Amino acid sequence: MLTNSILNQIMRHIVQFLDKPVIFILLVMLFFSIILVGELIAEFLERRKISIKVSKVIDLIRSGDKKTSYIISNCKLLDNQKEMFFEIIKHKKLSRELKESLAVSLLDNYERKQNMRVKITELIVKLGPTFGLLGTLIPLGPGIIALAQGDTATLSYSLLSAFDTTVLGLVSGAICACLTAIRRNWYDKDKIMLTLLMEAIVESESNVGGENA
């Protein structure tokens, strides 16, 4: 019995110690979620310049009427997207196999950077409700004790703290769930578009290299 009592006291102290860190983490996640909303708005404004008809650009590239570099320069794409294509174009002496390998590497690096943004919001989607639940359960211990002692003031404070932390966790998770869905939609479309354009550029540049050779 004595051992159980000591263990329960140790466990209670540990749980109560976690109260403030959990609240701090919830506040940080909420603040970070708001910052991510700002980043999404900035990214949306930047992405408004993306406006191309992929099939038309591919036809232009394959026709050979104009230089590929000129076509890409005049495409309404993001600067970092154009840089990938220029990286392929400037390596004219590489064999087709090496150009294809370079293209895959460039696309993978670009996709990895995009996925990092998505993973951050996905992490908050999972951790927000989890820490919200922790923040809900931790104050209930003192609240139950206060209820047994008839201390309604302490009970009310504990319940209020529990509800507040639940809301913080859910709001953070909800915000980041929306951000994740929006970005995934953007990045999936990017992947299809960039892959098609990259294949057309590799094919065109390989044919030019072959003719020059």
C-alpha atoms as a PDB file:
ATOM      1  CA  MET A   1       0.000   0.000   0.000  1.00  0.00           C
ATOM      2  CA  LEU A   2       2.810   2.371   0.917  1.00  0.00           C
ATOM      3  CA  THR A   3       4.593   1.602  -2.305  1.00  0.00           C
ATOM      4  CA  ASN A   4       1.436   2.223  -4.331  1.00  0.00           C
ATOM      5  CA  SER A   5       0.869   5.522  -2.526  1.00  0.00           C
ATOM      6  CA  ILE A   6       4.413   6.700  -3.252  1.00  0.00           C
ATOM      7  CA  LEU A   7       4.154   5.656  -6.903  1.00  0.00           C
ATOM      8  CA  ASN A   8       0.827   7.454  -7.268  1.00  0.00           C
ATOM      9  CA  GLN A   9       2.305  10.614  -5.758  1.00  0.00           C
ATOM     10  CA  ILE A  10       5.310  10.455  -8.106  1.00  0.00           C
ATOM     11  CA  MET A  11       3.009   9.901 -11.074  1.00  0.00           C
ATOM     12  CA  ARG A  12       0.760  12.794 -10.013  1.00  0.00           C
ATOM     13  CA  HIS A  13       3.743  15.137  -9.661  1.00  0.00           C
ATOM     14  CA  ILE A  14       5.015  14.161 -13.112  1.00  0.00           C
ATOM     15  CA  VAL A  15       1.601  14.728 -14.669  1.00  0.00           C
ATOM     16  CA  GLN A  16       1.178  18.101 -12.968  1.00  0.00           C
ATOM     17  CA  PHE A  17       4.682  19.080 -14.068  1.00  0.00           C
ATOM     18  CA  LEU A  18       3.605  18.498 -17.679  1.00  0.00           C
ATOM     19  CA  ASP A  19       0.728  20.970 -17.388  1.00  0.00           C
ATOM     20  CA  LYS A  20       2.600  24.176 -18.262  1.00  0.00           C
ATOM     21  CA  PRO A  21       4.832  22.618 -20.968  1.00  0.00           C
ATOM     22  CA  VAL A  22       1.741  21.217 -22.697  1.00  0.00           C
ATOM     23  CA  ILE A  23       0.017  24.608 -22.657  1.00  0.00           C
ATOM     24  CA  PHE A  24       3.207  26.267 -23.940  1.00  0.00           C
ATOM     25  CA  ILE A  25       3.468  23.762 -26.808  1.00  0.00           C
ATOM     26  CA  LEU A  26      -0.189  24.332 -27.723  1.00  0.00           C
ATOM     27  CA  LEU A  27       0.341  28.088 -27.837  1.00  0.00           C
ATOM     28  CA  VAL A  28       3.464  27.635 -29.981  1.00  0.00           C
ATOM     29  CA  MET A  29       1.590  25.361 -32.393  1.00  0.00           C
ATOM     30  CA  LEU A  30      -1.281  27.839 -32.676  1.00  0.00           C
ATOM     31  CA  PHE A  31       1.146  30.706 -33.290  1.00  0.00           C
ATOM     32  CA  PHE A  32       3.057  28.628 -35.838  1.00  0.00           C
ATOM     33  CA  SER A  33      -0.208  27.668 -37.566  1.00  0.00           C
ATOM     34  CA  ILE A  34      -1.076  31.348 -37.985  1.00  0.00           C
ATOM     35  CA  ILE A  35       2.378  31.986 -39.474  1.00  0.00           C
ATOM     36  CA  LEU A  36       1.831  29.089 -41.881  1.00  0.00           C
ATOM     37  CA  VAL A  37      -1.448  30.652 -42.995  1.00  0.00           C
ATOM     38  CA  GLY A  38       0.502  33.802 -43.862  1.00  0.00           C
ATOM     39  CA  GLU A  39       3.047  31.717 -45.786  1.00  0.00           C
ATOM     40  CA  LEU A  40       0.232  30.002 -47.679  1.00  0.00           C
ATOM     41  CA  ILE A  41      -1.254  33.350 -48.687  1.00  0.00           C
ATOM     42  CA  ALA A  42       2.175  34.533 -49.886  1.00  0.00           C
ATOM     43  CA  GLU A  43       2.655  31.286 -51.811  1.00  0.00           C
ATOM     44  CA  PHE A  44      -0.810  31.646 -53.342  1.00  0.00           C
ATOM     45  CA  LEU A  45       0.004  35.157 -54.561  1.00  0.00           C
ATOM     46  CA  GLU A  46       3.289  33.894 -56.027  1.00  0.00           C
ATOM     47  CA  ARG A  47       1.646  30.894 -57.685  1.00  0.00           C
ATOM     48  CA  ARG A  48      -0.836  33.112 -59.490  1.00  0.00           C
ATOM     49  CA  LYS A  49       1.846  33.642 -62.131  1.00  0.00           C
ATOM     50  CA  ILE A  50       1.615  29.934 -63.074  1.00  0.00           C
ATOM     51  CA  SER A  51      -0.609  29.926 -66.132  1.00  0.00           C
ATOM     52  CA  ILE A  52       0.384  27.622 -68.959  1.00  0.00           C
ATOM     53  CA  LYS A  53      -1.278  25.098 -71.237  1.00  0.00           C
ATOM     54  CA  VAL A  54       1.040  22.117 -70.930  1.00  0.00           C
ATOM     55  CA  SER A  55       0.061  20.488 -74.226  1.00  0.00           C
ATOM     56  CA  LYS A  56       0.718  23.710 -76.121  1.00  0.00           C
ATOM     57  CA  VAL A  57       4.151  24.191 -74.528  1.00  0.00           C
ATOM     58  CA  ILE A  58       5.072  20.570 -75.261  1.00  0.00           C
ATOM     59  CA  ASP A  59       4.070  21.026 -78.915  1.00  0.00           C
ATOM     60  CA  LEU A  60       6.224  24.143 -79.135  1.00  0.00           C
ATOM     61  CA  ILE A  61       9.192  22.337 -77.603  1.00  0.00           C
ATOM     62  CA  ARG A  62       8.869  19.318 -79.901  1.00  0.00           C
ATOM     63  CA  SER A  63       8.371  21.416 -83.033  1.00  0.00           C
ATOM     64  CA  GLY A  64      11.866  22.882 -82.718  1.00  0.00           C
ATOM     65  CA  ASP A  65      10.754  26.169 -84.258  1.00  0.00           C
ATOM     66  CA  LYS A  66      12.103  28.062 -81.268  1.00  0.00           C
ATOM     67  CA  LYS A  67      14.874  27.335 -78.825  1.00  0.00           C
ATOM     68  CA  THR A  68      13.744  25.441 -75.745  1.00  0.00           C
ATOM     69  CA  SER A  69      15.389  28.004 -73.487  1.00  0.00           C
ATOM     70  CA  TYR A  70      13.366  30.781 -75.139  1.00  0.00           C
ATOM     71  CA  ILE A  71      10.114  28.835 -74.715  1.00  0.00           C
ATOM     72  CA  ILE A  72      10.785  28.142 -71.030  1.00  0.00           C
ATOM     73  CA  SER A  73      11.844  31.743 -70.389  1.00  0.00           C
ATOM     74  CA  ASN A  74       8.503  32.963 -71.683  1.00  0.00           C
ATOM     75  CA  CYS A  75       6.419  30.372 -69.825  1.00  0.00           C
ATOM     76  CA  LYS A  76       4.427  31.596 -66.845  1.00  0.00           C
ATOM     77  CA  LEU A  77       6.184  29.386 -64.290  1.00  0.00           C
ATOM     78  CA  LEU A  78       7.859  29.968 -60.955  1.00  0.00           C
ATOM     79  CA  ASP A  79      11.539  30.902 -61.074  1.00  0.00           C
ATOM     80  CA  ASN A  80      12.669  27.755 -59.233  1.00  0.00           C
ATOM     81  CA  GLN A  81      10.683  25.642 -61.698  1.00  0.00           C
ATOM     82  CA  LYS A  82      12.371  27.305 -64.657  1.00  0.00           C
ATOM     83  CA  GLU A  83      15.772  26.769 -63.042  1.00  0.00           C
ATOM     84  CA  MET A  84      15.238  22.992 -63.172  1.00  0.00           C
ATOM     85  CA  PHE A  85      14.588  23.093 -66.890  1.00  0.00           C
ATOM     86  CA  PHE A  86      17.530  25.398 -67.573  1.00  0.00           C
ATOM     87  CA  GLU A  87      19.745  22.939 -65.682  1.00  0.00           C
ATOM     88  CA  ILE A  88      18.848  20.278 -68.256  1.00  0.00           C
ATOM     89  CA  ILE A  89      19.122  22.622 -71.228  1.00  0.00           C
ATOM     90  CA  LYS A  90      22.629  23.836 -70.388  1.00  0.00           C
ATOM     91  CA  HIS A  91      23.998  20.260 -70.229  1.00  0.00           C
ATOM     92  CA  LYS A  92      23.764  19.703 -73.979  1.00  0.00           C
ATOM     93  CA  LYS A  93      26.702  17.302 -74.188  1.00  0.00           C
ATOM     94  CA  LEU A  94      25.237  14.751 -71.808  1.00  0.00           C
ATOM     95  CA  SER A  95      23.810  11.543 -73.229  1.00  0.00           C
ATOM     96  CA  ARG A  96      20.054  11.026 -73.121  1.00  0.00           C
ATOM     97  CA  GLU A  97      20.404   8.527 -70.280  1.00  0.00           C
ATOM     98  CA  LEU A  98      22.347  11.009 -68.163  1.00  0.00           C
ATOM     99  CA  LYS A  99      19.881  13.779 -68.953  1.00  0.00           C
ATOM    100  CA  GLU A 100      17.030  11.542 -67.864  1.00  0.00           C
ATOM    101  CA  SER A 101      18.845  10.711 -64.630  1.00  0.00           C
ATOM    102  CA  LEU A 102      19.536  14.401 -64.004  1.00  0.00           C
ATOM    103  CA  ALA A 103      15.895  15.226 -64.712  1.00  0.00           C
ATOM    104  CA  VAL A 104      14.709  12.614 -62.200  1.00  0.00           C
ATOM    105  CA  SER A 105      17.134  13.964 -59.604  1.00  0.00           C
ATOM    106  CA  LEU A 106      15.982  17.563 -60.125  1.00  0.00           C
ATOM    107  CA  LEU A 107      12.318  16.594 -59.903  1.00  0.00           C
ATOM    108  CA  ASP A 108      12.953  14.537 -56.763  1.00  0.00           C
ATOM    109  CA  ASN A 109      14.743  17.425 -55.064  1.00  0.00           C
ATOM    110  CA  TYR A 110      11.947  19.815 -55.994  1.00  0.00           C
ATOM    111  CA  GLU A 111       9.304  17.378 -54.744  1.00  0.00           C
ATOM    112  CA  ARG A 112      11.238  16.767 -51.521  1.00  0.00           C
ATOM    113  CA  LYS A 113      11.227  20.481 -50.718  1.00  0.00           C
ATOM    114  CA  GLN A 114       7.490  20.634 -51.343  1.00  0.00           C
ATOM    115  CA  ASN A 115       6.848  17.574 -49.200  1.00  0.00           C
ATOM    116  CA  MET A 116       8.741  19.142 -46.302  1.00  0.00           C
ATOM    117  CA  ARG A 117       6.156  21.915 -46.150  1.00  0.00           C
ATOM    118  CA  VAL A 118       3.340  19.388 -46.208  1.00  0.00           C
ATOM    119  CA  LYS A 119       4.943  17.219 -43.525  1.00  0.00           C
ATOM    120  CA  ILE A 120       5.191  20.188 -41.131  1.00  0.00           C
ATOM    121  CA  THR A 121       1.463  20.854 -41.333  1.00  0.00           C
ATOM    122  CA  GLU A 122       0.694  17.114 -41.205  1.00  0.00           C
ATOM    123  CA  LEU A 123       2.701  16.893 -37.978  1.00  0.00           C
ATOM    124  CA  ILE A 124       0.652  19.673 -36.371  1.00  0.00           C
ATOM    125  CA  VAL A 125      -2.551  17.978 -37.556  1.00  0.00           C
ATOM    126  CA  LYS A 126      -1.526  14.926 -35.520  1.00  0.00           C
ATOM    127  CA  LEU A 127       0.078  16.666 -32.541  1.00  0.00           C
ATOM    128  CA  GLY A 128      -2.526  19.429 -32.084  1.00  0.00           C
ATOM    129  CA  PRO A 129      -5.394  17.192 -30.925  1.00  0.00           C
ATOM    130  CA  THR A 130      -2.953  14.966 -29.021  1.00  0.00           C
ATOM    131  CA  PHE A 131      -1.599  17.818 -26.900  1.00  0.00           C
ATOM    132  CA  GLY A 132      -5.115  19.216 -26.663  1.00  0.00           C
ATOM    133  CA  LEU A 133      -6.215  15.924 -25.103  1.00  0.00           C
ATOM    134  CA  LEU A 134      -3.249  16.013 -22.728  1.00  0.00           C
ATOM    135  CA  GLY A 135      -4.168  19.546 -21.734  1.00  0.00           C
ATOM    136  CA  THR A 136      -7.729  18.367 -21.149  1.00  0.00           C
ATOM    137  CA  LEU A 137      -6.866  15.400 -18.960  1.00  0.00           C
ATOM    138  CA  ILE A 138      -4.125  16.938 -16.812  1.00  0.00           C
ATOM    139  CA  PRO A 139      -6.338  19.555 -15.051  1.00  0.00           C
ATOM    140  CA  LEU A 140      -9.083  16.984 -14.430  1.00  0.00           C
ATOM    141  CA  GLY A 141      -7.051  15.382 -11.625  1.00  0.00           C
ATOM    142  CA  PRO A 142      -7.061  18.473  -9.399  1.00  0.00           C
ATOM    143  CA  GLY A 143     -10.624  19.141 -10.557  1.00  0.00           C
ATOM    144  CA  ILE A 144     -11.852  15.779  -9.301  1.00  0.00           C
ATOM    145  CA  ILE A 145     -10.102  16.326  -5.968  1.00  0.00           C
ATOM    146  CA  ALA A 146     -11.667  19.788  -5.726  1.00  0.00           C
ATOM    147  CA  LEU A 147     -15.095  18.284  -6.472  1.00  0.00           C
ATOM    148  CA  ALA A 148     -14.669  15.794  -3.627  1.00  0.00           C
ATOM    149  CA  GLN A 149     -13.725  18.635  -1.293  1.00  0.00           C
ATOM    150  CA  GLY A 150     -16.575  20.879  -2.448  1.00  0.00           C
ATOM    151  CA  ASP A 151     -14.156  23.472  -3.851  1.00  0.00           C
ATOM    152  CA  THR A 152     -16.189  24.655  -6.827  1.00  0.00           C
ATOM    153  CA  ALA A 153     -13.797  27.520  -7.634  1.00  0.00           C
ATOM    154  CA  THR A 154     -10.873  25.157  -8.228  1.00  0.00           C
ATOM    155  CA  LEU A 155     -13.148  22.765 -10.096  1.00  0.00           C
ATOM    156  CA  SER A 156     -14.360  25.546 -12.398  1.00  0.00           C
ATOM    157  CA  TYR A 157     -10.798  26.694 -13.076  1.00  0.00           C
ATOM    158  CA  SER A 158      -9.690  23.135 -13.880  1.00  0.00           C
ATOM    159  CA  LEU A 159     -12.588  22.573 -16.268  1.00  0.00           C
ATOM    160  CA  LEU A 160     -12.016  25.927 -17.953  1.00  0.00           C
ATOM    161  CA  SER A 161      -8.335  25.100 -18.455  1.00  0.00           C
ATOM    162  CA  ALA A 162      -9.292  21.685 -19.852  1.00  0.00           C
ATOM    163  CA  PHE A 163     -11.720  23.184 -22.358  1.00  0.00           C
ATOM    164  CA  ASP A 164      -9.276  25.909 -23.430  1.00  0.00           C
ATOM    165  CA  THR A 165      -6.487  23.468 -24.204  1.00  0.00           C
ATOM    166  CA  THR A 166      -8.898  21.257 -26.162  1.00  0.00           C
ATOM    167  CA  VAL A 167      -9.909  24.223 -28.300  1.00  0.00           C
ATOM    168  CA  LEU A 168      -6.291  25.257 -28.910  1.00  0.00           C
ATOM    169  CA  GLY A 169      -5.342  21.762 -30.048  1.00  0.00           C
ATOM    170  CA  LEU A 170      -8.351  21.380 -32.332  1.00  0.00           C
ATOM    171  CA  VAL A 171      -7.950  24.842 -33.874  1.00  0.00           C
ATOM    172  CA  SER A 172      -4.259  24.213 -34.635  1.00  0.00           C
ATOM    173  CA  GLY A 173      -5.064  20.818 -36.134  1.00  0.00           C
ATOM    174  CA  ALA A 174      -7.978  22.171 -38.193  1.00  0.00           C
ATOM    175  CA  ILE A 175      -5.931  25.056 -39.617  1.00  0.00           C
ATOM    176  CA  CYS A 176      -3.064  22.790 -40.617  1.00  0.00           C
ATOM    177  CA  ALA A 177      -5.427  20.164 -42.045  1.00  0.00           C
ATOM    178  CA  CYS A 178      -6.754  22.827 -44.442  1.00  0.00           C
ATOM    179  CA  LEU A 179      -3.224  23.959 -45.308  1.00  0.00           C
ATOM    180  CA  THR A 180      -2.180  20.362 -45.976  1.00  0.00           C
ATOM    181  CA  ALA A 181      -5.128  19.730 -48.301  1.00  0.00           C
ATOM    182  CA  ILE A 182      -4.533  22.944 -50.271  1.00  0.00           C
ATOM    183  CA  ARG A 183      -0.802  22.372 -50.653  1.00  0.00           C
ATOM    184  CA  ARG A 184      -1.219  18.717 -51.630  1.00  0.00           C
ATOM    185  CA  ASN A 185      -3.600  19.781 -54.389  1.00  0.00           C
ATOM    186  CA  TRP A 186      -1.098  22.358 -55.651  1.00  0.00           C
ATOM    187  CA  TYR A 187       1.895  20.062 -55.473  1.00  0.00           C
ATOM    188  CA  ASP A 188       0.159  17.094 -57.123  1.00  0.00           C
ATOM    189  CA  LYS A 189      -0.708  19.315 -60.093  1.00  0.00           C
ATOM    190  CA  ASP A 190       2.874  20.626 -60.133  1.00  0.00           C
ATOM    191  CA  LYS A 191       4.264  17.100 -60.245  1.00  0.00           C
ATOM    192  CA  ILE A 192       2.204  16.126 -63.285  1.00  0.00           C
ATOM    193  CA  MET A 193       2.931  19.373 -65.137  1.00  0.00           C
ATOM    194  CA  LEU A 194       6.667  19.433 -64.411  1.00  0.00           C
ATOM    195  CA  THR A 195       7.143  15.761 -65.265  1.00  0.00           C
ATOM    196  CA  LEU A 196       5.484  16.185 -68.667  1.00  0.00           C
ATOM    197  CA  LEU A 197       7.500  19.312 -69.465  1.00  0.00           C
ATOM    198  CA  MET A 198      10.735  17.715 -68.279  1.00  0.00           C
ATOM    199  CA  GLU A 199      10.182  14.669 -70.487  1.00  0.00           C
ATOM    200  CA  ALA A 200       9.537  16.905 -73.500  1.00  0.00           C
ATOM    201  CA  ILE A 201      12.656  18.961 -72.798  1.00  0.00           C
ATOM    202  CA  VAL A 202      14.864  15.874 -72.347  1.00  0.00           C
ATOM    203  CA  GLU A 203      13.538  14.430 -75.605  1.00  0.00           C
ATOM    204  CA  SER A 204      14.017  17.695 -77.494  1.00  0.00           C
ATOM    205  CA  GLU A 205      17.492  18.387 -76.133  1.00  0.00           C
ATOM    206  CA  SER A 206      18.582  14.804 -76.752  1.00  0.00           C
ATOM    207  CA  ASN A 207      17.470  15.043 -80.393  1.00  0.00           C
ATOM    208  CA  VAL A 208      19.350  18.327 -80.783  1.00  0.00           C
ATOM    209  CA  GLY A 209      22.427  16.777 -79.201  1.00  0.00           C
ATOM    210  CA  GLY A 210      22.143  13.777 -81.496  1.00  0.00           C
ATOM    211  CA  GLU A 211      21.854  15.966 -84.584  1.00  0.00           C
ATOM    212  CA  ASN A 212      24.821  18.092 -83.510  1.00  0.00           C
ATOM    213  CA  ALA A 213      26.839  14.982 -82.941  1.00  0.00           C
END
